[in-house]
Amino acid sequence: MFEQPWIWLAIGFAGQLLFSARFIVQWLSSERQRRSVVPLAFWYFSIAGGITLFVYAVHIGDPVFILGQSMGVLIYARNLWFIRRERQQLAAAE
């Protein structure tokens, strides 16, 4: 079952931990504000976990896993870009 070197298992588990942490961050932020919110940290955990899992998927050679993670990473990066652009526009308007 665990035929991979321990370092690759550690990378895979680290990616999954980062990716899962985004849900905890979102849940705690929503509880604090008493409404559904998606904090900036959610997107950073998403992209960090997605990239780590993508690297792991490439290593194990799973095309389904590779496609799924690559699409997610693009979406997370795009959302971070939108947030950055909006913040720059707000700063310029002040």
Protein backbone atom coordinates (compact mmCIF):
# COMPACT_ATOMS: atom_id res chain seq x y z
CA MET A 1 0.00 0.00 0.00
CA PHE A 2 2.72 2.51 0.98
CA GLU A 3 5.31 1.79 -1.68
CA GLN A 4 6.44 5.41 -2.03
CA PRO A 5 9.39 6.94 -0.21
CA TRP A 6 8.32 8.61 3.04
CA ILE A 7 9.12 12.09 1.69
CA TRP A 8 6.44 11.78 -1.00
CA LEU A 9 3.90 10.57 1.52
CA ALA A 10 4.80 13.55 3.72
CA ILE A 11 4.32 15.92 0.75
CA GLY A 12 0.96 14.34 -0.06
CA PHE A 13 -0.25 14.53 3.53
CA ALA A 14 1.04 18.12 3.89
CA GLY A 15 -0.89 19.14 0.79
CA GLN A 16 -4.04 17.51 2.10
CA LEU A 17 -3.57 19.20 5.49
CA LEU A 18 -3.14 22.63 3.85
CA PHE A 19 -6.13 22.03 1.62
CA SER A 20 -8.30 20.90 4.52
CA ALA A 21 -7.23 23.83 6.70
CA ARG A 22 -9.02 26.21 4.35
CA PHE A 23 -12.38 24.83 5.49
CA ILE A 24 -11.52 25.39 9.15
CA VAL A 25 -10.41 28.96 8.37
CA GLN A 26 -13.65 29.64 6.47
CA TRP A 27 -15.82 28.08 9.16
CA LEU A 28 -14.17 30.03 12.01
CA SER A 29 -14.36 33.31 10.07
CA SER A 30 -18.04 32.76 9.35
CA GLU A 31 -18.75 31.90 12.99
CA ARG A 32 -17.00 35.07 14.15
CA GLN A 33 -18.97 37.27 11.76
CA ARG A 34 -22.22 35.31 12.09
CA ARG A 35 -22.54 35.15 8.30
CA SER A 36 -20.93 33.21 5.49
CA VAL A 37 -17.60 34.74 4.52
CA VAL A 38 -14.58 33.60 2.54
CA PRO A 39 -11.45 35.11 4.11
CA LEU A 40 -8.26 35.78 2.17
CA ALA A 41 -6.51 32.98 4.09
CA PHE A 42 -8.98 30.51 2.52
CA TRP A 43 -7.54 31.28 -0.93
CA TYR A 44 -3.94 31.07 0.28
CA PHE A 45 -4.56 27.69 1.90
CA SER A 46 -6.38 26.60 -1.26
CA ILE A 47 -3.51 27.49 -3.58
CA ALA A 48 -0.81 26.13 -1.24
CA GLY A 49 -2.65 22.86 -0.79
CA GLY A 50 -3.58 22.66 -4.46
CA ILE A 51 -0.01 23.18 -5.66
CA THR A 52 1.35 20.67 -3.15
CA LEU A 53 -1.26 18.08 -4.12
CA PHE A 54 -0.62 18.80 -7.82
CA VAL A 55 3.10 18.06 -7.34
CA TYR A 56 2.19 14.88 -5.50
CA ALA A 57 -0.29 13.88 -8.24
CA VAL A 58 2.39 14.39 -10.91
CA HIS A 59 4.80 12.27 -8.87
CA ILE A 60 2.37 9.37 -8.58
CA GLY A 61 1.29 9.83 -12.20
CA ASP A 62 -2.47 9.97 -11.66
CA PRO A 63 -4.00 11.88 -14.61
CA VAL A 64 -7.39 12.32 -12.92
CA PHE A 65 -5.76 13.77 -9.80
CA ILE A 66 -3.44 15.94 -11.93
CA LEU A 67 -6.34 17.42 -13.91
CA GLY A 68 -8.45 18.04 -10.82
CA GLN A 69 -5.69 19.83 -8.93
CA SER A 70 -4.48 21.85 -11.91
CA MET A 71 -7.95 23.25 -12.54
CA GLY A 72 -8.34 24.15 -8.88
CA VAL A 73 -4.98 25.92 -8.74
CA LEU A 74 -5.98 28.08 -11.72
CA ILE A 75 -9.25 29.06 -10.03
CA TYR A 76 -7.55 29.85 -6.70
CA ALA A 77 -4.90 31.96 -8.43
CA ARG A 78 -7.58 33.83 -10.37
CA ASN A 79 -9.51 34.60 -7.19
CA LEU A 80 -6.35 35.92 -5.52
CA TRP A 81 -5.72 38.07 -8.59
CA PHE A 82 -9.26 39.50 -8.39
CA ILE A 83 -8.78 40.30 -4.69
CA ARG A 84 -5.42 41.98 -5.34
CA ARG A 85 -6.83 44.04 -8.21
CA GLU A 86 -9.83 45.13 -6.14
CA ARG A 87 -7.61 46.18 -3.24
CA GLN A 88 -5.36 48.17 -5.59
CA GLN A 89 -8.41 49.92 -7.07
CA LEU A 90 -9.74 50.76 -3.62
CA ALA A 91 -6.34 52.11 -2.55
CA ALA A 92 -6.10 54.24 -5.69
CA ALA A 93 -9.58 55.67 -5.06
CA GLU A 94 -8.62 56.92 -1.58
